[in-house]
Each structure stands twice: as structure tokens, then as C-alpha cells.
N, C-alpha and C. Protein backbone atom coordinates (compact mmCIF):
# COMPACT_ATOMS: atom_id res chain seq x y z
N MET A 1 16.56 -280.70 118.37
CA MET A 1 17.06 -279.77 117.71
C MET A 1 16.55 -278.37 118.89
N ASP A 2 18.10 -278.08 118.88
CA ASP A 2 18.24 -277.06 120.04
C ASP A 2 17.85 -275.88 119.28
N ARG A 3 17.36 -274.83 120.04
CA ARG A 3 16.68 -273.65 119.49
C ARG A 3 18.00 -272.59 118.39
N ARG A 4 19.46 -272.94 118.35
CA ARG A 4 20.35 -272.56 117.85
C ARG A 4 20.03 -272.77 116.44
N GLN A 5 19.84 -274.32 116.76
CA GLN A 5 19.30 -274.92 115.19
C GLN A 5 18.31 -274.90 114.42
N GLN A 6 17.47 -274.58 114.84
CA GLN A 6 16.12 -274.31 114.25
C GLN A 6 16.71 -272.93 113.64
N LYS A 7 16.91 -272.04 114.44
CA LYS A 7 16.70 -270.55 114.14
C LYS A 7 17.90 -270.44 112.52
N THR A 8 19.06 -271.53 112.49
CA THR A 8 19.53 -271.55 110.97
C THR A 8 18.82 -272.48 110.02
N ARG A 9 18.14 -273.27 110.64
CA ARG A 9 17.28 -274.22 109.63
C ARG A 9 16.10 -273.38 109.15
N ASP A 10 15.79 -272.52 110.17
CA ASP A 10 14.43 -271.26 109.68
C ASP A 10 15.09 -270.17 108.31
N ALA A 11 16.68 -269.80 109.05
CA ALA A 11 16.96 -268.88 107.90
C ALA A 11 17.36 -269.47 106.52
N ILE A 12 17.94 -270.67 106.70
CA ILE A 12 18.24 -271.61 105.36
C ILE A 12 16.96 -271.80 104.54
N PHE A 13 15.72 -272.36 105.10
CA PHE A 13 14.56 -272.18 104.31
C PHE A 13 14.08 -271.05 103.87
N LYS A 14 13.93 -269.69 104.69
CA LYS A 14 13.46 -268.59 104.28
C LYS A 14 14.33 -268.33 102.64
N ALA A 15 16.32 -268.19 103.44
CA ALA A 15 16.87 -268.11 102.11
C ALA A 15 16.69 -268.86 100.72
N PHE A 16 16.12 -269.86 100.95
CA PHE A 16 15.78 -270.83 99.89
C PHE A 16 14.05 -270.64 99.25
N SER A 17 13.58 -270.20 100.03
CA SER A 17 12.16 -269.57 99.58
C SER A 17 12.10 -268.38 98.88
N LYS A 18 13.05 -267.12 99.47
CA LYS A 18 13.48 -266.01 98.71
C LYS A 18 13.72 -266.31 97.60
N LEU A 19 14.97 -267.05 97.28
CA LEU A 19 15.38 -267.11 96.01
C LEU A 19 14.79 -268.16 94.91
N ILE A 20 13.69 -268.76 95.09
CA ILE A 20 12.94 -269.61 94.55
C ILE A 20 12.17 -268.77 94.00
N GLU A 21 11.68 -267.60 94.76
CA GLU A 21 10.74 -266.63 93.86
C GLU A 21 11.41 -265.76 92.89
N GLN A 22 12.63 -265.66 92.89
CA GLN A 22 13.49 -265.06 91.98
C GLN A 22 13.78 -265.76 90.60
N LYS A 23 13.98 -266.96 91.14
CA LYS A 23 14.97 -267.55 89.72
C LYS A 23 14.30 -269.21 89.92
N ARG A 24 14.83 -269.98 88.53
CA ARG A 24 14.20 -271.08 89.41
C ARG A 24 15.13 -272.06 89.82
N TYR A 25 14.62 -273.36 90.11
CA TYR A 25 15.34 -274.04 91.24
C TYR A 25 16.93 -274.69 90.57
N GLU A 26 16.57 -275.37 89.40
CA GLU A 26 18.07 -275.47 89.38
C GLU A 26 19.30 -274.13 88.54
N ASN A 27 18.87 -273.19 88.82
CA ASN A 27 19.74 -272.04 88.81
C ASN A 27 20.63 -271.62 89.97
N ILE A 28 19.43 -271.85 91.07
CA ILE A 28 19.83 -271.71 92.70
C ILE A 28 21.11 -272.35 92.63
N THR A 29 22.07 -271.72 93.65
CA THR A 29 23.01 -272.05 94.10
C THR A 29 23.61 -272.49 95.27
N VAL A 30 24.43 -273.43 95.96
CA VAL A 30 24.24 -273.69 97.59
C VAL A 30 25.31 -272.27 98.07
N GLN A 31 25.49 -271.97 97.05
CA GLN A 31 26.52 -270.47 97.64
C GLN A 31 25.46 -269.29 97.76
N GLU A 32 24.50 -269.19 96.87
CA GLU A 32 23.52 -268.41 96.90
C GLU A 32 22.53 -268.34 98.15
N ILE A 33 22.44 -269.64 98.28
CA ILE A 33 21.45 -270.03 99.90
C ILE A 33 22.16 -269.54 101.24
N ILE A 34 23.59 -269.43 101.18
CA ILE A 34 24.59 -269.45 102.17
C ILE A 34 24.81 -267.84 102.26
N ASP A 35 24.59 -267.18 101.37
CA ASP A 35 24.73 -266.18 101.04
C ASP A 35 23.19 -265.29 101.37
N GLU A 36 22.16 -265.83 100.96
CA GLU A 36 21.25 -265.49 101.73
C GLU A 36 20.68 -265.24 103.21
N ALA A 37 21.46 -266.26 103.32
CA ALA A 37 21.22 -267.11 104.70
C ALA A 37 21.88 -266.04 105.52
N ASN A 38 23.04 -266.03 105.10
CA ASN A 38 24.07 -265.45 106.19
C ASN A 38 25.05 -266.23 106.83
N ILE A 39 25.19 -267.22 106.36
CA ILE A 39 25.69 -268.40 106.86
C ILE A 39 27.08 -269.13 106.51
N GLY A 40 27.82 -269.70 106.87
CA GLY A 40 28.73 -270.36 106.51
C GLY A 40 28.22 -271.78 105.73
N ARG A 41 29.40 -271.99 105.07
CA ARG A 41 29.62 -273.09 104.03
C ARG A 41 29.05 -274.26 105.03
N SER A 42 30.05 -274.56 105.44
CA SER A 42 30.00 -275.66 107.02
C SER A 42 28.75 -276.11 107.56
N THR A 43 27.95 -274.90 107.75
CA THR A 43 26.28 -274.86 108.93
C THR A 43 26.04 -275.14 107.63
N PHE A 44 25.47 -274.81 106.77
CA PHE A 44 25.08 -275.21 105.42
C PHE A 44 24.85 -276.59 105.66
N TYR A 45 25.90 -277.47 105.30
CA TYR A 45 26.26 -278.84 105.03
C TYR A 45 26.00 -279.31 106.02
N ALA A 46 26.16 -278.95 107.84
CA ALA A 46 25.87 -279.51 108.41
C ALA A 46 24.12 -279.53 108.55
N HIS A 47 23.01 -279.00 108.41
CA HIS A 47 21.71 -279.20 108.39
C HIS A 47 21.09 -280.29 106.53
N PHE A 48 22.48 -279.45 105.68
CA PHE A 48 21.32 -280.38 104.40
C PHE A 48 23.12 -281.06 103.63
N GLU A 49 22.58 -282.05 103.48
CA GLU A 49 23.68 -282.56 102.24
C GLU A 49 24.31 -281.69 100.61
N THR A 50 22.68 -281.69 100.50
CA THR A 50 22.69 -280.91 98.88
C THR A 50 21.58 -280.08 99.12
N LYS A 51 21.36 -279.40 97.82
CA LYS A 51 19.65 -278.35 97.60
C LYS A 51 18.99 -279.89 97.41
N ASP A 52 18.82 -280.35 97.14
CA ASP A 52 17.61 -281.65 96.68
C ASP A 52 17.50 -282.07 98.34
N GLU A 53 18.34 -282.30 99.17
CA GLU A 53 17.65 -282.96 100.59
C GLU A 53 17.17 -281.40 101.12
N LEU A 54 17.62 -280.26 101.08
CA LEU A 54 16.88 -279.15 101.67
C LEU A 54 15.37 -278.77 101.12
N LEU A 55 15.22 -279.15 99.60
CA LEU A 55 13.77 -279.36 98.99
C LEU A 55 12.89 -279.89 99.40
N ARG A 56 13.83 -281.35 100.05
CA ARG A 56 12.90 -282.37 101.13
C ARG A 56 12.73 -281.95 101.93
N ALA A 57 13.55 -281.18 102.65
CA ALA A 57 13.40 -280.98 103.65
C ALA A 57 12.07 -279.94 103.67
N LEU A 58 12.35 -278.97 103.13
CA LEU A 58 11.27 -277.56 103.22
C LEU A 58 10.02 -278.66 102.69
N CYS A 59 9.51 -279.32 101.49
CA CYS A 59 8.28 -280.09 101.40
C CYS A 59 7.87 -280.95 102.87
N THR A 60 8.79 -282.03 103.49
CA THR A 60 8.53 -282.61 104.37
C THR A 60 7.76 -281.28 105.60
N ASP A 61 8.64 -280.63 105.74
CA ASP A 61 7.82 -279.71 106.96
C ASP A 61 6.74 -278.89 106.61
N ILE A 62 6.49 -278.38 104.87
CA ILE A 62 5.20 -278.22 104.36
C ILE A 62 4.11 -279.43 104.75
N PHE A 63 4.21 -280.66 103.90
CA PHE A 63 3.32 -281.72 104.14
C PHE A 63 3.31 -281.98 105.72
N SER A 64 3.73 -282.39 106.26
CA SER A 64 3.83 -283.07 107.84
C SER A 64 2.67 -281.87 108.39
N HIS A 65 2.72 -280.75 108.37
CA HIS A 65 1.71 -279.86 108.63
C HIS A 65 0.15 -280.24 107.92
N VAL A 66 0.57 -280.13 106.27
CA VAL A 66 -0.73 -279.97 105.34
C VAL A 66 -1.57 -280.82 105.52
N PHE A 67 -0.83 -282.53 106.11
CA PHE A 67 -1.49 -283.94 105.90
C PHE A 67 -1.71 -284.06 107.81
N SER A 68 -1.44 -283.34 108.39
CA SER A 68 -1.59 -283.66 109.95
C SER A 68 -3.11 -284.24 109.82
N ASN A 69 -3.11 -285.01 110.86
CA ASN A 69 -4.41 -285.89 111.40
C ASN A 69 -5.49 -284.56 112.12
N GLU A 70 -4.85 -283.59 112.62
CA GLU A 70 -5.54 -282.94 113.84
C GLU A 70 -5.64 -281.49 112.57
N LEU A 71 -6.77 -281.57 112.51
CA LEU A 71 -6.84 -279.58 111.46
C LEU A 71 -7.20 -278.68 112.38
N MET A 72 -6.40 -277.44 112.40
CA MET A 72 -6.58 -276.41 113.04
C MET A 72 -7.16 -275.02 112.45
N SER A 73 -7.48 -274.34 113.23
CA SER A 73 -7.98 -272.86 112.88
C SER A 73 -6.32 -272.21 112.45
N GLU A 74 -6.62 -271.52 111.17
CA GLU A 74 -5.64 -270.81 110.75
C GLU A 74 -6.53 -269.85 110.17
N LYS A 75 -4.80 -269.35 109.61
CA LYS A 75 -5.35 -267.40 108.71
C LYS A 75 -6.55 -267.04 107.61
N THR A 76 -6.29 -268.46 106.82
CA THR A 76 -6.66 -268.30 105.65
C THR A 76 -7.80 -269.39 105.79
N HIS A 77 -7.79 -270.34 106.94
CA HIS A 77 -9.15 -271.03 106.60
C HIS A 77 -8.96 -271.82 108.43
N ASP A 78 -10.48 -272.47 108.25
CA ASP A 78 -10.58 -273.35 109.38
C ASP A 78 -11.06 -274.62 109.17
N PHE A 79 -10.56 -275.66 109.68
CA PHE A 79 -11.36 -276.56 109.39
C PHE A 79 -11.06 -277.91 110.41
N SER A 80 -11.32 -276.70 112.13
CA SER A 80 -10.94 -277.56 113.30
C SER A 80 -12.44 -278.34 113.39
N GLY A 81 -13.18 -278.11 112.92
CA GLY A 81 -14.61 -278.59 113.39
C GLY A 81 -14.27 -279.82 113.22
N GLY A 82 -14.19 -280.69 113.10
CA GLY A 82 -14.14 -282.05 113.05
C GLY A 82 -14.61 -282.70 112.10
N ASN A 83 -14.78 -281.81 111.09
CA ASN A 83 -14.57 -282.50 109.46
C ASN A 83 -13.38 -282.82 109.14
N ASN A 84 -13.16 -284.35 108.96
CA ASN A 84 -12.11 -284.95 108.47
C ASN A 84 -12.18 -285.62 107.42
N GLY A 85 -13.00 -285.83 106.65
CA GLY A 85 -13.63 -286.07 105.77
C GLY A 85 -12.53 -285.88 104.36
N LEU A 86 -12.88 -286.58 103.22
CA LEU A 86 -11.97 -286.61 102.61
C LEU A 86 -11.84 -285.01 101.59
N GLU A 87 -13.32 -284.61 101.39
CA GLU A 87 -13.28 -283.27 100.85
C GLU A 87 -12.14 -282.64 101.81
N ALA A 88 -12.96 -282.91 102.71
CA ALA A 88 -12.28 -281.38 103.37
C ALA A 88 -10.77 -281.54 103.58
N LYS A 89 -9.89 -282.18 103.54
CA LYS A 89 -8.49 -282.60 103.31
C LYS A 89 -8.02 -281.95 102.74
N LEU A 90 -8.80 -282.44 101.34
CA LEU A 90 -8.46 -282.12 100.20
C LEU A 90 -8.66 -280.68 99.67
N THR A 91 -9.68 -280.09 100.64
CA THR A 91 -9.29 -278.49 100.33
C THR A 91 -8.70 -277.99 101.11
N HIS A 92 -8.14 -278.66 102.13
CA HIS A 92 -7.31 -277.78 103.35
C HIS A 92 -5.77 -278.44 102.65
N ILE A 93 -5.81 -279.09 102.12
CA ILE A 93 -4.17 -278.81 101.58
C ILE A 93 -4.47 -278.12 99.76
N LEU A 94 -4.69 -278.04 99.58
CA LEU A 94 -5.44 -276.55 98.45
C LEU A 94 -5.18 -275.23 99.21
N HIS A 95 -5.65 -275.00 99.78
CA HIS A 95 -5.32 -273.70 100.95
C HIS A 95 -4.17 -273.75 100.99
N HIS A 96 -3.87 -274.34 101.98
CA HIS A 96 -2.29 -274.62 102.44
C HIS A 96 -1.19 -274.62 100.79
N LEU A 97 -1.49 -274.89 99.83
CA LEU A 97 -0.83 -274.70 98.47
C LEU A 97 -0.94 -273.12 98.37
N MET A 98 -2.09 -273.11 97.82
CA MET A 98 -2.31 -272.03 98.24
C MET A 98 -1.55 -270.47 98.72
N ASP A 99 -1.22 -271.21 99.92
CA ASP A 99 -1.35 -269.97 101.03
C ASP A 99 0.61 -269.52 100.81
N SER A 100 0.86 -270.96 100.30
CA SER A 100 2.45 -271.33 99.93
C SER A 100 2.86 -271.26 98.23
N LYS A 101 1.79 -270.20 97.54
CA LYS A 101 1.84 -270.02 95.94
C LYS A 101 2.87 -269.62 95.35
N THR A 102 3.54 -268.74 95.68
CA THR A 102 5.12 -268.41 95.20
C THR A 102 5.81 -269.70 95.31
N ASN A 103 5.80 -270.23 96.26
CA ASN A 103 6.96 -271.13 96.69
C ASN A 103 6.69 -272.37 95.71
N ILE A 104 5.74 -273.12 95.94
CA ILE A 104 5.13 -273.95 95.03
C ILE A 104 5.05 -273.74 93.45
N VAL A 105 4.75 -272.71 93.26
CA VAL A 105 4.63 -272.19 91.54
C VAL A 105 6.76 -272.20 90.99
N GLY A 106 7.09 -271.73 92.60
CA GLY A 106 8.51 -271.30 91.55
C GLY A 106 9.00 -273.26 91.70
N ILE A 107 8.64 -273.93 92.35
CA ILE A 107 9.72 -275.43 92.43
C ILE A 107 8.66 -275.85 91.08
N LEU A 108 7.33 -275.84 90.99
CA LEU A 108 6.77 -276.74 90.15
C LEU A 108 7.21 -276.28 88.59
N SER A 109 7.54 -275.18 88.85
CA SER A 109 7.80 -274.44 86.91
C SER A 109 9.13 -274.97 87.00
N SER A 110 10.44 -275.34 87.90
CA SER A 110 11.26 -275.70 87.71
C SER A 110 11.60 -277.43 87.40
N HIS A 111 12.95 -277.69 87.05
CA HIS A 111 13.21 -278.94 87.71
C HIS A 111 12.85 -279.79 88.31
N SER A 112 12.63 -279.24 89.88
CA SER A 112 12.42 -279.35 90.60
C SER A 112 11.04 -280.15 90.72
N GLY A 113 10.56 -279.55 89.82
CA GLY A 113 8.80 -280.26 90.22
C GLY A 113 8.62 -281.43 90.04
N GLU A 114 9.40 -282.33 89.48
CA GLU A 114 9.15 -283.44 89.56
C GLU A 114 9.49 -283.92 91.04
N LEU A 115 10.74 -284.08 91.07
CA LEU A 115 11.34 -284.27 93.09
C LEU A 115 10.23 -283.82 93.72
N PHE A 116 9.46 -282.54 93.34
CA PHE A 116 8.31 -282.23 94.66
C PHE A 116 6.97 -283.39 94.15
N LEU A 117 6.85 -283.36 93.15
CA LEU A 117 5.92 -284.00 93.28
C LEU A 117 6.02 -285.94 93.40
N ARG A 118 7.00 -286.06 93.58
CA ARG A 118 7.00 -287.48 94.38
C ARG A 118 6.92 -287.25 95.77
N TYR A 119 7.69 -286.43 95.88
CA TYR A 119 7.21 -286.10 97.95
C TYR A 119 5.88 -286.17 98.24
N PHE A 120 5.11 -284.78 97.39
CA PHE A 120 3.57 -284.99 97.59
C PHE A 120 3.42 -286.14 97.20
N LYS A 121 3.47 -286.71 96.18
CA LYS A 121 2.94 -288.49 95.80
C LYS A 121 3.09 -289.51 97.13
N ASP A 122 3.69 -289.46 97.31
CA ASP A 122 4.42 -290.15 98.83
C ASP A 122 2.96 -289.97 99.84
N TYR A 123 3.10 -288.59 100.29
CA TYR A 123 1.93 -288.15 101.56
C TYR A 123 0.68 -288.18 100.80
N LEU A 124 0.20 -287.71 99.23
CA LEU A 124 -0.92 -288.16 99.52
C LEU A 124 -1.57 -289.90 99.16
N THR A 125 -0.30 -290.84 98.86
CA THR A 125 -0.58 -291.93 98.89
C THR A 125 -1.34 -292.67 100.73
N GLU A 126 -0.30 -291.84 101.58
CA GLU A 126 -0.66 -292.62 102.83
C GLU A 126 -1.83 -292.20 103.31
N MET A 127 -2.38 -290.77 103.01
CA MET A 127 -3.59 -290.03 103.40
C MET A 127 -4.78 -290.61 102.34
N PHE A 128 -4.92 -290.72 101.16
CA PHE A 128 -5.83 -291.98 100.49
C PHE A 128 -5.56 -293.28 100.97
N SER A 129 -5.14 -293.71 101.70
CA SER A 129 -4.68 -294.94 101.77
C SER A 129 -5.83 -295.07 103.08
N LYS A 130 -6.14 -294.18 103.54
CA LYS A 130 -7.55 -293.74 104.79
C LYS A 130 -8.72 -294.11 104.70
N TYR A 131 -8.84 -293.65 103.70
CA TYR A 131 -9.85 -293.86 102.79
C TYR A 131 -10.51 -295.27 102.03
N LEU A 132 -9.42 -295.76 101.63
CA LEU A 132 -9.66 -297.02 100.66
C LEU A 132 -10.78 -297.88 101.00
N ASN A 133 -10.78 -298.43 102.10
CA ASN A 133 -11.45 -299.07 102.87
C ASN A 133 -13.11 -298.65 102.59
N GLU A 134 -13.95 -297.52 102.38
CA GLU A 134 -14.90 -296.55 102.40
C GLU A 134 -15.23 -296.33 101.14
N ILE A 135 -14.29 -296.80 100.46
CA ILE A 135 -14.61 -296.48 98.51
C ILE A 135 -14.93 -297.65 97.73
N LYS A 136 -16.12 -297.36 97.48
CA LYS A 136 -17.02 -298.85 96.74
C LYS A 136 -16.35 -298.94 95.07
N MET A 137 -15.44 -299.20 94.98
CA MET A 137 -15.20 -299.94 93.16
C MET A 137 -14.82 -301.25 93.25
N ASN A 138 -15.07 -301.21 91.87
CA ASN A 138 -15.05 -302.69 91.32
C ASN A 138 -13.34 -302.82 90.90
N ALA A 139 -12.54 -302.59 91.70
CA ALA A 139 -11.08 -302.69 91.29
C ALA A 139 -10.15 -302.69 92.02
N PRO A 140 -9.03 -303.33 91.64
CA PRO A 140 -7.66 -303.86 93.18
C PRO A 140 -7.70 -302.40 94.07
N ALA A 141 -7.30 -302.35 94.94
CA ALA A 141 -7.15 -301.42 96.09
C ALA A 141 -5.69 -300.54 95.36
N ASP A 142 -4.68 -301.25 94.93
CA ASP A 142 -3.58 -300.87 94.50
C ASP A 142 -3.81 -300.08 93.25
N PHE A 143 -4.81 -300.16 92.34
CA PHE A 143 -5.36 -299.65 91.22
C PHE A 143 -5.82 -298.77 91.88
N VAL A 144 -6.82 -298.49 92.35
CA VAL A 144 -7.77 -297.12 92.82
C VAL A 144 -6.91 -295.91 94.03
N LEU A 145 -5.64 -296.75 94.85
CA LEU A 145 -4.76 -295.92 95.07
C LEU A 145 -4.38 -294.98 94.34
N ASN A 146 -3.52 -295.57 93.00
CA ASN A 146 -2.41 -294.93 92.35
C ASN A 146 -3.29 -293.87 91.38
N HIS A 147 -4.78 -294.00 90.86
CA HIS A 147 -5.40 -293.19 90.34
C HIS A 147 -6.05 -292.10 91.07
N LEU A 148 -6.22 -292.24 92.33
CA LEU A 148 -6.89 -291.12 93.43
C LEU A 148 -5.23 -290.23 93.29
N VAL A 149 -4.05 -291.08 94.04
CA VAL A 149 -2.97 -290.20 93.97
C VAL A 149 -2.68 -289.16 92.50
N GLY A 150 -2.59 -290.15 91.75
CA GLY A 150 -1.63 -289.64 90.50
C GLY A 150 -3.02 -288.72 89.66
N SER A 151 -4.05 -288.65 89.61
CA SER A 151 -5.11 -287.76 89.21
C SER A 151 -5.35 -286.36 90.67
N PHE A 152 -4.90 -286.27 91.39
CA PHE A 152 -4.85 -285.38 92.41
C PHE A 152 -3.64 -284.55 92.07
N ALA A 153 -2.77 -285.46 91.87
CA ALA A 153 -1.24 -284.66 92.12
C ALA A 153 -1.53 -283.74 90.25
N GLU A 154 -2.04 -284.00 89.70
CA GLU A 154 -2.56 -283.61 88.07
C GLU A 154 -3.43 -282.76 88.09
N THR A 155 -4.51 -282.13 89.17
CA THR A 155 -5.07 -281.31 89.19
C THR A 155 -4.93 -280.76 90.33
N VAL A 156 -3.79 -280.60 90.93
CA VAL A 156 -3.12 -279.55 91.74
C VAL A 156 -2.29 -278.72 90.32
N LYS A 157 -1.37 -279.80 89.85
CA LYS A 157 -1.14 -278.81 88.68
C LYS A 157 -1.93 -278.21 87.73
N TRP A 158 -2.78 -278.76 87.28
CA TRP A 158 -3.96 -277.97 86.48
C TRP A 158 -4.17 -276.67 87.08
N TRP A 159 -4.94 -276.84 88.22
CA TRP A 159 -4.84 -275.75 89.17
C TRP A 159 -4.23 -274.71 89.74
N ILE A 160 -3.00 -274.86 89.73
CA ILE A 160 -2.29 -273.93 89.42
C ILE A 160 -1.73 -273.29 87.98
N ASP A 161 -1.54 -274.08 86.72
CA ASP A 161 -1.45 -273.75 85.46
C ASP A 161 -2.51 -272.79 85.34
N ASN A 162 -3.72 -272.76 85.85
CA ASN A 162 -4.74 -272.04 85.58
C ASN A 162 -4.67 -270.90 86.72
N LYS A 163 -3.87 -270.43 87.55
CA LYS A 163 -3.53 -269.57 88.32
C LYS A 163 -4.98 -269.46 89.37
N MET A 164 -4.98 -271.15 89.82
CA MET A 164 -5.92 -270.80 91.09
C MET A 164 -7.18 -270.39 91.40
N LYS A 165 -7.38 -270.18 89.47
CA LYS A 165 -9.06 -269.82 89.18
C LYS A 165 -10.18 -269.91 90.32
N TYR A 166 -10.36 -270.97 90.19
CA TYR A 166 -11.34 -271.46 91.57
C TYR A 166 -11.10 -271.85 92.57
N THR A 167 -11.84 -271.75 93.34
CA THR A 167 -11.50 -271.79 95.46
C THR A 167 -11.03 -273.07 95.22
N PRO A 168 -10.25 -273.53 96.72
CA PRO A 168 -9.93 -274.88 97.03
C PRO A 168 -11.11 -275.61 97.04
N GLU A 169 -12.33 -274.91 97.60
CA GLU A 169 -13.42 -276.07 98.07
C GLU A 169 -14.16 -276.06 96.61
N GLU A 170 -14.01 -275.70 95.17
CA GLU A 170 -14.75 -275.94 94.48
C GLU A 170 -13.60 -276.58 93.56
N THR A 171 -12.31 -276.65 93.45
CA THR A 171 -11.31 -277.75 93.45
C THR A 171 -11.55 -279.20 93.59
N ALA A 172 -11.54 -279.12 95.03
CA ALA A 172 -11.73 -279.88 96.26
C ALA A 172 -13.12 -280.64 95.27
N ARG A 173 -14.34 -280.27 95.32
CA ARG A 173 -15.49 -280.57 95.08
C ARG A 173 -15.77 -281.53 93.45
N TYR A 174 -14.54 -280.84 92.60
CA TYR A 174 -14.73 -281.37 90.84
C TYR A 174 -14.13 -282.64 91.40
N TYR A 175 -12.56 -281.97 91.75
CA TYR A 175 -12.29 -283.56 91.69
C TYR A 175 -12.44 -285.01 92.54
N ILE A 176 -13.84 -284.17 93.80
CA ILE A 176 -14.33 -285.94 94.19
C ILE A 176 -15.11 -286.06 92.98
N GLU A 177 -15.62 -285.09 92.60
CA GLU A 177 -16.96 -285.52 91.63
C GLU A 177 -16.43 -286.56 90.29
N VAL A 178 -15.79 -285.91 89.58
CA VAL A 178 -14.79 -286.66 88.56
C VAL A 178 -14.20 -288.15 89.02
N SER A 179 -13.50 -287.99 89.98
CA SER A 179 -13.29 -288.89 90.30
C SER A 179 -14.24 -290.07 91.21
N CYS A 180 -15.19 -289.74 91.01
CA CYS A 180 -15.93 -290.60 91.86
C CYS A 180 -16.17 -291.02 93.10
N VAL A 181 -14.95 -290.53 93.80
CA VAL A 181 -15.05 -290.70 95.15
C VAL A 181 -16.66 -290.11 95.95
N ASN A 182 -17.07 -289.65 95.21
CA ASN A 182 -18.05 -289.26 96.55
C ASN A 182 -19.18 -290.49 96.76
N ARG A 183 -18.57 -292.12 96.25
CA ARG A 183 -19.24 -293.13 96.54
C ARG A 183 -18.79 -293.24 97.92
N ILE A 184 -18.36 -292.44 98.28
CA ILE A 184 -17.56 -293.31 99.89
C ILE A 184 -18.98 -293.66 100.65
N THR A 185 -18.96 -294.27 101.43
CA THR A 185 -19.84 -294.39 101.99
C THR A 185 -20.38 -293.40 103.41
N ASP A 186 -21.09 -293.45 103.98
CA ASP A 186 -21.71 -293.14 105.11
C ASP A 186 -21.57 -293.39 106.45
């Protein structure tokens, strides 16, 4: 993607994010996104076929960084010290969700919430899969994976519904404790 295309894409994401802060996802029209981004209709459709595709791309951009194997120092947190354990990964995810609080709350509180959670769960499945061999459970691997993904997604919803009153570190620790994932071998 050349710089001009990237600049247009960024303008669309910024416009979409601003609109999500102001109104529910299902009430946002493509025309409003176009107007806010100050682009033409054909330009929008050259980048995204639908508003749902735009949401998926936004989620992919967020999640590709959040779920990166290489954690780096960032403005609100630093996981670059080499600790890539499960609790550190979960805490990193929660920090990013907190940093994107306005967008995430807007998305989850609307009809798009299920779509967002489906994308989120896809990334969680990939991440948790890397830890399955380390978890000592007397249950089939696909059952354990389904449980870990579903329960963490519900933990995130609970955390957001409770206005993120617990820190990402506390929330990740609670999840690890309750999920018995602290049985991971060293």
C-alpha cells in the first residue's frame, strides 16, 4: 500500500473511530464516514466493501499489534523485557483494550459487539493454542481451548461493563487464578 492509500485508510479509521465515540455502530452510515473522512464514495468503496468490512479491518489493525509475538515498550505499558508468558500476554491485551476504551466500549455496546467478539476470539484461539501443551488438564485440548477463549472474552466484557475498575494486571491475574491456568508448567 502506498503512502497516499495509507493516508486515506487512516482517515477512514479516524473518522469511523470518532463516529463510534458519538453514536452506536448500527446507526452510523457509510455516508457519515465518508463525510467525516472528507473522501469520495468511490474512494471509500475502493478500500472497504461494507461498514462491517471496515470494522473487521479496524479490529485486524488493533489485534495484529496487540497479539504480536514481539512485545515492545509503549506509552502506557512496557512488556519488552522478554516475559512472554500467558499472564503477560493477557495483561498486554487488556492494556490495549483500556487504551482503546472509547472505541471498544462503543463497538461492544452495539450490534457490532458480536462481530467484534468473533474477531477477538479468532485471535485469542491462535494465542491460547500456543500454550495448550503447557497446560496440565484432564480434558480434550479443543475443550480446554474453547473454555480459555470463551472465558477470557467474557472476562473482558465483564471488565468493560465494570468500567475497568481493576487494573489490567489484576484482571489478568484473576483470570489466570479462576481458570486454573496457573497450572502451566515452568
